[in-house]
Amino acid sequence: MKVEFFRHQLGEANLNRLASVMRTIFLTTGKEVDLFEKEFAQYLGQGHAVGLTSATAALHLSLLALGIGPGDEVITTPMTFVATALAIMHTGARPVFADVEPDTGNLDINQVAAAITPRTKAVMPVHLYGQMVDMRRLDQLAKTHGLIIVEDAAHCLEGERDEIRVGDLGQTACFSFYATKSITCGEGGAVTTNDPSLAELLRQYRLHGMSTGAVDRYTNLYRHYDVEVEGWKYNMSNLQAALLIDQIKEIEPRRQERERIAIYYRDSFSGLAGLEMPALLPGVKQGHHLFTIWVHPKHRDKILWDLQKEAIGVAVNYRACHLFTLFRERYGCREGDLPVAEAIGSRTLSLPIYPGLQVAEVEYVVDTVRRVVKNAG
């Protein structure tokens, strides 16, 4: 049996809407993007959504639009995809890594507090695996020190904690529509905010800083544009939006299906020597974007390779990114700086979890993982 790490759920409705856009002459940012932004913001309970090419673009533009730049520091987590830190660097600011909670892998608010300096201007929490950071505590800390919060919600579109949803307390929240995400267009992203002025600036930034987009210039009588700010080429196209629009209503059913698989995994692995799992906290609605197990660091790579030999797709989410060569050489990061994140990064691997996994496939994953972990010693 072969079990892929991920299979997308794009179907006829998505293809039909894509085909309808392809039959028009307007493929770039237009009415489909507008419709997606409206429905996506409505789903999240946010005032505005801005469609972009990636979550990295969303993080980058959020920081820029909120005034982050050279000389500033932004505190974030090392337990994340490297794009989180790179987005900070793209602004000229410095990423400052704070350690994480040993039971969840999420940013430790106490460590954030300890990392604040006079140069700190923002915090970028990552809602790891689909479980939200303690945003109530982080919001209190940010208000005390006058800090901005930009949420990296690439894993946590569906998340809720202590009656707080993603985006409720951050100035912006940033989302990914990469191939393996809850909804996907292959590559894509969005940023949400309740600030209309900020949303308008983000729209300007996403298209070279131009004062009007193509739909405004060409739909009726031609309108000249001005360039008022330095911008980037980050705009979402109608083709991407067409694939996303009909998936919005599938977000919660898909989450529930992943949750059923996660419960089965947790029950099946409970008490297995040599295997631990991140804690599920009370008062949390989990997105279950990833199902990650933690094994002994001496055996992690062997377990990873043995599962691949058994035709099971696996991944590592994540090694502690402050130990990558870039951050060692540029900022002097060293092993031992963030011991909790480093320990988790040396132990972690992720298993298949997505709608459409068959019962037999899930059982095969469970049986194989149990056998491989036991054989590893």
Protein backbone atom coordinates (compact mmCIF):
# COMPACT_ATOMS: atom_id res chain seq x y z
CA MET A 1 0.00 0.00 0.00
CA LYS A 2 1.16 3.54 -0.78
CA VAL A 3 -0.03 6.48 1.33
CA GLU A 4 0.90 9.91 0.00
CA PHE A 5 1.81 12.61 2.50
CA PHE A 6 -0.91 14.80 1.00
CA ARG A 7 -3.52 14.72 -1.76
CA HIS A 8 -5.48 17.84 -2.68
CA GLN A 9 -9.26 17.90 -2.71
CA LEU A 10 -9.84 20.04 -5.79
CA GLY A 11 -12.92 18.81 -7.65
CA GLU A 12 -15.40 19.56 -10.40
CA ALA A 13 -16.79 22.75 -8.85
CA ASN A 14 -13.29 24.24 -8.64
CA LEU A 15 -12.41 23.16 -12.17
CA ASN A 16 -15.68 24.50 -13.56
CA ARG A 17 -15.13 27.92 -12.00
CA LEU A 18 -11.55 27.93 -13.25
CA ALA A 19 -12.75 27.05 -16.75
CA SER A 20 -15.28 29.88 -16.65
CA VAL A 21 -12.50 32.36 -15.91
CA MET A 22 -10.35 30.91 -18.68
CA ARG A 23 -13.17 31.60 -21.14
CA THR A 24 -12.96 35.31 -20.32
CA ILE A 25 -10.26 37.76 -21.37
CA PHE A 26 -9.45 38.93 -17.82
CA LEU A 27 -7.16 36.49 -15.99
CA THR A 28 -5.34 38.78 -13.55
CA THR A 29 -6.72 40.48 -10.42
CA GLY A 30 -10.43 41.13 -10.99
CA LYS A 31 -13.91 40.18 -9.89
CA GLU A 32 -13.05 36.61 -8.85
CA VAL A 33 -10.36 37.96 -6.53
CA ASP A 34 -12.87 40.49 -5.17
CA LEU A 35 -15.40 37.71 -4.53
CA PHE A 36 -12.82 35.48 -2.87
CA GLU A 37 -11.64 38.32 -0.62
CA LYS A 38 -15.20 39.13 0.43
CA GLU A 39 -16.12 35.53 1.26
CA PHE A 40 -12.80 34.75 2.93
CA ALA A 41 -13.04 37.81 5.19
CA GLN A 42 -16.63 36.89 6.01
CA TYR A 43 -15.62 33.33 6.96
CA LEU A 44 -12.97 34.65 9.35
CA GLY A 45 -15.17 37.41 10.77
CA GLN A 46 -12.69 40.04 9.57
CA GLY A 47 -13.41 43.34 7.88
CA HIS A 48 -11.03 42.93 4.96
CA ALA A 49 -9.01 40.30 3.11
CA VAL A 50 -6.32 40.95 0.50
CA GLY A 51 -5.44 38.14 -1.90
CA LEU A 52 -1.73 37.64 -2.58
CA THR A 53 0.70 35.22 -4.18
CA SER A 54 1.83 33.56 -0.94
CA ALA A 55 1.78 33.70 2.84
CA THR A 56 5.34 34.99 2.65
CA ALA A 57 4.05 37.98 0.69
CA ALA A 58 1.33 38.45 3.31
CA LEU A 59 3.87 38.51 6.14
CA HIS A 60 6.24 40.80 4.25
CA LEU A 61 3.61 43.34 3.22
CA SER A 62 1.98 43.30 6.66
CA LEU A 63 5.23 44.29 8.31
CA LEU A 64 5.96 46.97 5.73
CA ALA A 65 2.46 48.44 5.89
CA LEU A 66 2.75 48.57 9.69
CA GLY A 67 6.00 50.52 9.51
CA ILE A 68 8.57 47.81 10.25
CA GLY A 69 11.95 48.40 8.65
CA PRO A 70 15.74 48.62 9.10
CA GLY A 71 16.89 48.83 12.69
CA ASP A 72 13.75 47.18 14.05
CA GLU A 73 13.50 43.77 15.70
CA VAL A 74 10.62 41.33 15.31
CA ILE A 75 10.31 38.45 17.77
CA THR A 76 9.25 35.14 16.30
CA THR A 77 9.60 31.39 16.75
CA PRO A 78 12.30 29.08 15.40
CA MET A 79 9.70 26.28 15.08
CA THR A 80 8.39 27.35 11.70
CA PHE A 81 9.04 27.24 7.99
CA VAL A 82 11.94 29.55 7.19
CA ALA A 83 9.65 31.96 5.27
CA THR A 84 8.49 33.44 8.59
CA ALA A 85 11.96 34.72 9.43
CA LEU A 86 12.79 35.62 5.82
CA ALA A 87 9.72 37.85 5.59
CA ILE A 88 11.09 39.86 8.52
CA MET A 89 14.49 40.09 6.84
CA HIS A 90 12.88 41.26 3.57
CA THR A 91 11.85 44.46 5.38
CA GLY A 92 15.40 45.12 6.61
CA ALA A 93 14.40 44.25 10.18
CA ARG A 94 16.03 41.57 12.29
CA PRO A 95 14.28 38.36 13.35
CA VAL A 96 14.79 37.60 17.03
CA PHE A 97 14.00 34.02 17.94
CA ALA A 98 12.30 33.16 21.24
CA ASP A 99 12.01 29.62 22.58
CA VAL A 100 8.83 27.56 22.54
CA GLU A 101 6.58 25.64 24.91
CA PRO A 102 7.80 22.08 25.48
CA ASP A 103 4.32 20.55 25.31
CA THR A 104 2.98 22.29 22.18
CA GLY A 105 5.94 23.70 20.24
CA ASN A 106 4.16 27.06 20.14
CA LEU A 107 5.85 30.35 21.01
CA ASP A 108 6.41 30.67 24.77
CA ILE A 109 5.03 34.04 25.87
CA ASN A 110 7.44 34.19 28.81
CA GLN A 111 10.35 33.83 26.38
CA VAL A 112 8.87 36.55 24.17
CA ALA A 113 8.81 38.88 27.17
CA ALA A 114 12.45 38.10 27.91
CA ALA A 115 13.47 38.85 24.31
CA ILE A 116 12.02 42.38 24.17
CA THR A 117 14.55 45.19 23.73
CA PRO A 118 14.18 48.91 22.92
CA ARG A 119 14.44 47.93 19.22
CA THR A 120 11.55 45.46 19.37
CA LYS A 121 8.63 46.69 17.29
CA ALA A 122 6.55 43.57 16.58
CA VAL A 123 5.87 39.94 17.42
CA MET A 124 5.11 37.33 14.77
CA PRO A 125 3.51 34.27 16.41
CA VAL A 126 3.07 31.07 14.38
CA HIS A 127 0.05 28.92 15.20
CA LEU A 128 1.97 25.67 14.90
CA TYR A 129 0.37 22.48 13.54
CA GLY A 130 -3.08 24.13 13.70
CA GLN A 131 -3.15 25.07 17.41
CA MET A 132 -3.22 28.75 18.29
CA VAL A 133 -0.65 30.53 20.41
CA ASP A 134 -1.97 31.99 23.68
CA MET A 135 -3.14 35.18 22.00
CA ARG A 136 -4.78 36.67 25.08
CA ARG A 137 -1.46 36.70 26.94
CA LEU A 138 0.46 37.81 23.89
CA ASP A 139 -2.00 40.65 23.29
CA GLN A 140 -1.58 41.87 26.88
CA LEU A 141 2.22 41.75 26.53
CA ALA A 142 2.11 43.58 23.20
CA LYS A 143 -0.09 46.34 24.57
CA THR A 144 2.17 46.78 27.58
CA HIS A 145 5.19 47.33 25.34
CA GLY A 146 3.47 49.02 22.39
CA LEU A 147 4.18 46.16 19.98
CA ILE A 148 2.48 45.14 16.73
CA ILE A 149 1.25 41.56 16.27
CA VAL A 150 1.33 39.95 12.83
CA GLU A 151 -0.07 36.40 13.00
CA ASP A 152 1.42 33.67 10.83
CA ALA A 153 -1.69 31.54 10.45
CA ALA A 154 -0.49 29.37 7.57
CA HIS A 155 -1.33 26.28 9.65
CA CYS A 156 -4.40 27.57 11.39
CA LEU A 157 -7.11 28.93 9.13
CA GLU A 158 -9.76 27.28 11.31
CA GLY A 159 -8.25 27.94 14.72
CA GLU A 160 -9.85 29.25 17.88
CA ARG A 161 -8.59 29.51 21.46
CA ASP A 162 -10.30 30.92 24.53
CA GLU A 163 -13.08 32.24 22.24
CA ILE A 164 -10.49 34.15 20.17
CA ARG A 165 -10.23 33.39 16.47
CA VAL A 166 -7.22 33.83 14.25
CA GLY A 167 -6.92 37.51 13.38
CA ASP A 168 -9.03 38.82 16.26
CA LEU A 169 -6.11 40.29 18.22
CA GLY A 170 -3.36 40.73 15.64
CA GLN A 171 -3.14 43.80 13.45
CA THR A 172 -3.07 41.34 10.56
CA ALA A 173 -3.29 37.58 10.09
CA CYS A 174 -1.53 35.86 7.19
CA PHE A 175 -2.64 32.69 5.39
CA SER A 176 -1.22 30.21 2.90
CA PHE A 177 -2.95 28.44 0.02
CA TYR A 178 0.07 26.32 -0.81
CA ALA A 179 -0.53 22.84 -2.21
CA THR A 180 -0.84 21.13 1.19
CA LYS A 181 -3.04 23.68 2.96
CA SER A 182 -6.70 23.47 4.05
CA ILE A 183 -7.74 25.26 0.86
CA THR A 184 -5.35 25.51 -2.04
CA CYS A 185 -4.70 27.01 -5.43
CA GLY A 186 -1.20 25.48 -5.66
CA GLU A 187 0.47 28.70 -4.59
CA GLY A 188 -1.27 31.66 -2.98
CA GLY A 189 -1.90 33.60 0.19
CA ALA A 190 -3.95 36.30 1.87
CA VAL A 191 -3.82 38.80 4.69
CA THR A 192 -6.82 39.86 6.79
CA THR A 193 -7.33 42.96 8.90
CA ASN A 194 -10.09 45.01 10.47
CA ASP A 195 -8.35 48.27 9.53
CA PRO A 196 -9.72 49.64 6.21
CA SER A 197 -6.80 52.03 5.71
CA LEU A 198 -4.32 49.20 6.23
CA ALA A 199 -6.21 47.00 3.77
CA GLU A 200 -6.10 49.72 1.15
CA LEU A 201 -2.36 50.19 1.63
CA LEU A 202 -1.82 46.42 1.34
CA ARG A 203 -3.72 46.42 -1.95
CA GLN A 204 -1.49 49.20 -3.23
CA TYR A 205 1.68 47.47 -2.04
CA ARG A 206 0.73 44.18 -3.74
CA LEU A 207 0.80 45.78 -7.22
CA HIS A 208 3.96 47.88 -7.57
CA GLY A 209 2.51 50.71 -5.48
CA MET A 210 0.21 51.69 -8.36
CA SER A 211 -2.84 53.80 -7.60
CA THR A 212 -5.13 51.77 -9.90
CA GLY A 213 -5.17 48.12 -10.92
CA ALA A 214 -5.70 46.68 -14.40
CA VAL A 215 -9.43 46.18 -13.89
CA ASP A 216 -9.82 49.88 -13.07
CA ARG A 217 -7.73 50.97 -16.06
CA TYR A 218 -9.22 48.80 -18.76
CA THR A 219 -12.82 47.94 -17.87
CA ASN A 220 -14.27 51.32 -18.92
CA LEU A 221 -12.54 54.46 -20.18
CA TYR A 222 -8.80 54.25 -19.61
CA ARG A 223 -7.57 55.72 -16.33
CA HIS A 224 -3.96 56.78 -15.88
CA TYR A 225 -2.21 55.49 -12.77
CA ASP A 226 0.28 57.02 -10.42
CA VAL A 227 2.93 55.25 -8.32
CA GLU A 228 2.79 56.70 -4.83
CA VAL A 229 4.72 54.13 -2.79
CA GLU A 230 7.36 51.47 -3.44
CA GLY A 231 5.45 48.26 -4.09
CA TRP A 232 5.89 44.62 -5.11
CA LYS A 233 4.38 42.15 -7.56
CA TYR A 234 2.30 40.10 -5.12
CA ASN A 235 -1.25 40.29 -6.51
CA MET A 236 -3.49 37.22 -6.63
CA SER A 237 -4.93 36.36 -10.06
CA ASN A 238 -8.51 35.49 -10.99
CA LEU A 239 -7.28 31.99 -11.85
CA GLN A 240 -6.05 31.42 -8.29
CA ALA A 241 -9.20 32.91 -6.78
CA ALA A 242 -11.40 30.75 -8.99
CA LEU A 243 -9.87 27.62 -7.48
CA LEU A 244 -10.32 28.95 -3.92
CA ILE A 245 -13.83 30.40 -3.85
CA ASP A 246 -15.82 27.16 -3.68
CA GLN A 247 -13.42 25.63 -1.16
CA ILE A 248 -14.35 28.16 1.52
CA LYS A 249 -17.57 26.30 2.34
CA GLU A 250 -15.51 23.10 2.68
CA ILE A 251 -13.15 24.47 5.35
CA GLU A 252 -15.04 23.17 8.38
CA PRO A 253 -16.10 19.78 6.93
CA ARG A 254 -12.50 19.16 5.93
CA ARG A 255 -11.27 20.17 9.39
CA GLN A 256 -13.70 17.74 10.98
CA GLU A 257 -12.46 14.92 8.77
CA ARG A 258 -8.86 15.67 9.70
CA GLU A 259 -9.90 15.77 13.34
CA ARG A 260 -11.38 12.26 13.11
CA ILE A 261 -8.08 10.99 11.72
CA ALA A 262 -6.12 12.86 14.41
CA ILE A 263 -8.24 11.31 17.16
CA TYR A 264 -7.65 7.84 15.73
CA TYR A 265 -3.91 8.48 15.55
CA ARG A 266 -3.77 9.81 19.10
CA ASP A 267 -5.74 6.87 20.49
CA SER A 268 -3.61 4.39 18.55
CA PHE A 269 -0.26 5.86 19.60
CA SER A 270 -1.15 6.57 23.22
CA GLY A 271 1.25 4.79 25.56
CA LEU A 272 3.61 3.69 22.78
CA ALA A 273 7.14 3.76 24.16
CA GLY A 274 9.45 6.03 22.20
CA LEU A 275 6.68 8.21 20.76
CA GLU A 276 5.14 11.40 22.12
CA MET A 277 2.68 13.88 20.64
CA PRO A 278 2.17 17.62 21.10
CA ALA A 279 -0.44 18.41 23.74
CA LEU A 280 -3.96 19.38 22.77
CA LEU A 281 -4.91 22.22 25.10
CA PRO A 282 -8.36 22.88 26.57
CA GLY A 283 -10.40 25.69 25.06
CA VAL A 284 -8.80 25.16 21.64
CA LYS A 285 -10.36 24.43 18.26
CA GLN A 286 -7.53 22.72 16.40
CA GLY A 287 -7.06 23.14 12.68
CA HIS A 288 -5.20 19.79 12.50
CA HIS A 289 -3.16 21.04 9.58
CA LEU A 290 -0.39 18.61 10.52
CA PHE A 291 -0.21 15.49 12.65
CA THR A 292 3.24 15.49 14.18
CA ILE A 293 4.85 12.89 16.39
CA TRP A 294 7.99 13.30 18.47
CA VAL A 295 10.42 10.38 18.62
CA HIS A 296 13.92 9.89 20.06
CA PRO A 297 16.40 12.16 18.24
CA LYS A 298 18.84 9.27 17.73
CA HIS A 299 16.15 7.35 15.85
CA ARG A 300 14.20 10.12 14.06
CA ASP A 301 15.88 9.90 10.67
CA LYS A 302 15.87 6.10 10.65
CA ILE A 303 12.15 6.09 11.48
CA LEU A 304 11.59 8.67 8.75
CA TRP A 305 13.44 6.61 6.16
CA ASP A 306 11.86 3.32 7.25
CA LEU A 307 8.38 4.82 6.84
CA GLN A 308 9.34 6.04 3.37
CA LYS A 309 10.55 2.53 2.50
CA GLU A 310 7.08 1.32 3.50
CA ALA A 311 5.59 3.83 0.98
CA ILE A 312 4.25 6.24 3.62
CA GLY A 313 4.70 9.93 2.92
CA VAL A 314 6.30 11.81 5.79
CA ALA A 315 7.82 15.23 6.42
CA VAL A 316 9.79 17.13 9.07
CA ASN A 317 7.87 20.13 10.45
CA TYR A 318 10.25 21.61 11.54
CA ARG A 319 13.91 21.67 12.38
CA ALA A 320 14.63 24.72 14.52
CA CYS A 321 15.34 27.28 11.80
CA HIS A 322 17.70 29.50 13.82
CA LEU A 323 20.35 26.80 13.31
CA PHE A 324 20.32 27.15 9.51
CA THR A 325 23.58 28.49 8.10
CA LEU A 326 22.04 31.85 7.15
CA PHE A 327 21.09 32.69 10.73
CA ARG A 328 24.28 31.28 12.23
CA GLU A 329 26.44 33.41 9.95
CA ARG A 330 24.36 36.59 9.92
CA TYR A 331 23.14 36.77 13.52
CA GLY A 332 25.47 34.45 15.40
CA CYS A 333 22.79 31.93 16.35
CA ARG A 334 24.26 28.84 17.96
CA GLU A 335 23.20 25.42 19.15
CA GLY A 336 22.03 25.69 22.74
CA ASP A 337 20.47 29.15 22.29
CA LEU A 338 16.92 27.79 22.24
CA PRO A 339 17.06 24.34 23.81
CA VAL A 340 13.34 23.52 23.75
CA ALA A 341 12.93 24.30 20.06
CA GLU A 342 16.15 22.46 19.25
CA ALA A 343 14.97 19.35 21.14
CA ILE A 344 11.62 19.35 19.34
CA GLY A 345 13.27 19.99 15.97
CA SER A 346 15.50 16.94 16.42
CA ARG A 347 12.56 14.67 17.29
CA THR A 348 9.73 15.69 15.02
CA LEU A 349 8.15 14.08 11.97
CA SER A 350 4.71 14.48 10.40
CA LEU A 351 2.29 11.81 9.17
CA PRO A 352 -0.39 11.92 6.45
CA ILE A 353 -3.59 13.69 7.55
CA TYR A 354 -6.08 14.97 4.97
CA PRO A 355 -9.67 14.40 3.82
CA GLY A 356 -9.98 11.41 1.56
CA LEU A 357 -7.62 9.14 3.48
CA GLN A 358 -9.27 5.74 3.52
CA VAL A 359 -9.73 3.75 6.72
CA ALA A 360 -7.37 1.08 5.42
CA GLU A 361 -4.74 3.72 4.68
CA VAL A 362 -4.96 5.23 8.17
CA GLU A 363 -4.76 1.77 9.73
CA TYR A 364 -1.73 0.97 7.59
CA VAL A 365 -0.01 4.16 8.76
CA VAL A 366 -0.76 3.34 12.41
CA ASP A 367 0.40 -0.28 12.19
CA THR A 368 3.57 0.68 10.32
CA VAL A 369 4.47 3.55 12.66
CA ARG A 370 3.98 1.33 15.71
CA ARG A 371 6.18 -1.39 14.23
CA VAL A 372 8.91 0.97 13.02
CA VAL A 373 9.10 2.87 16.32
CA LYS A 374 9.29 -0.38 18.30
CA ASN A 375 12.02 -1.72 16.02
CA ALA A 376 14.00 1.49 16.40
CA GLY A 377 14.44 0.65 20.06
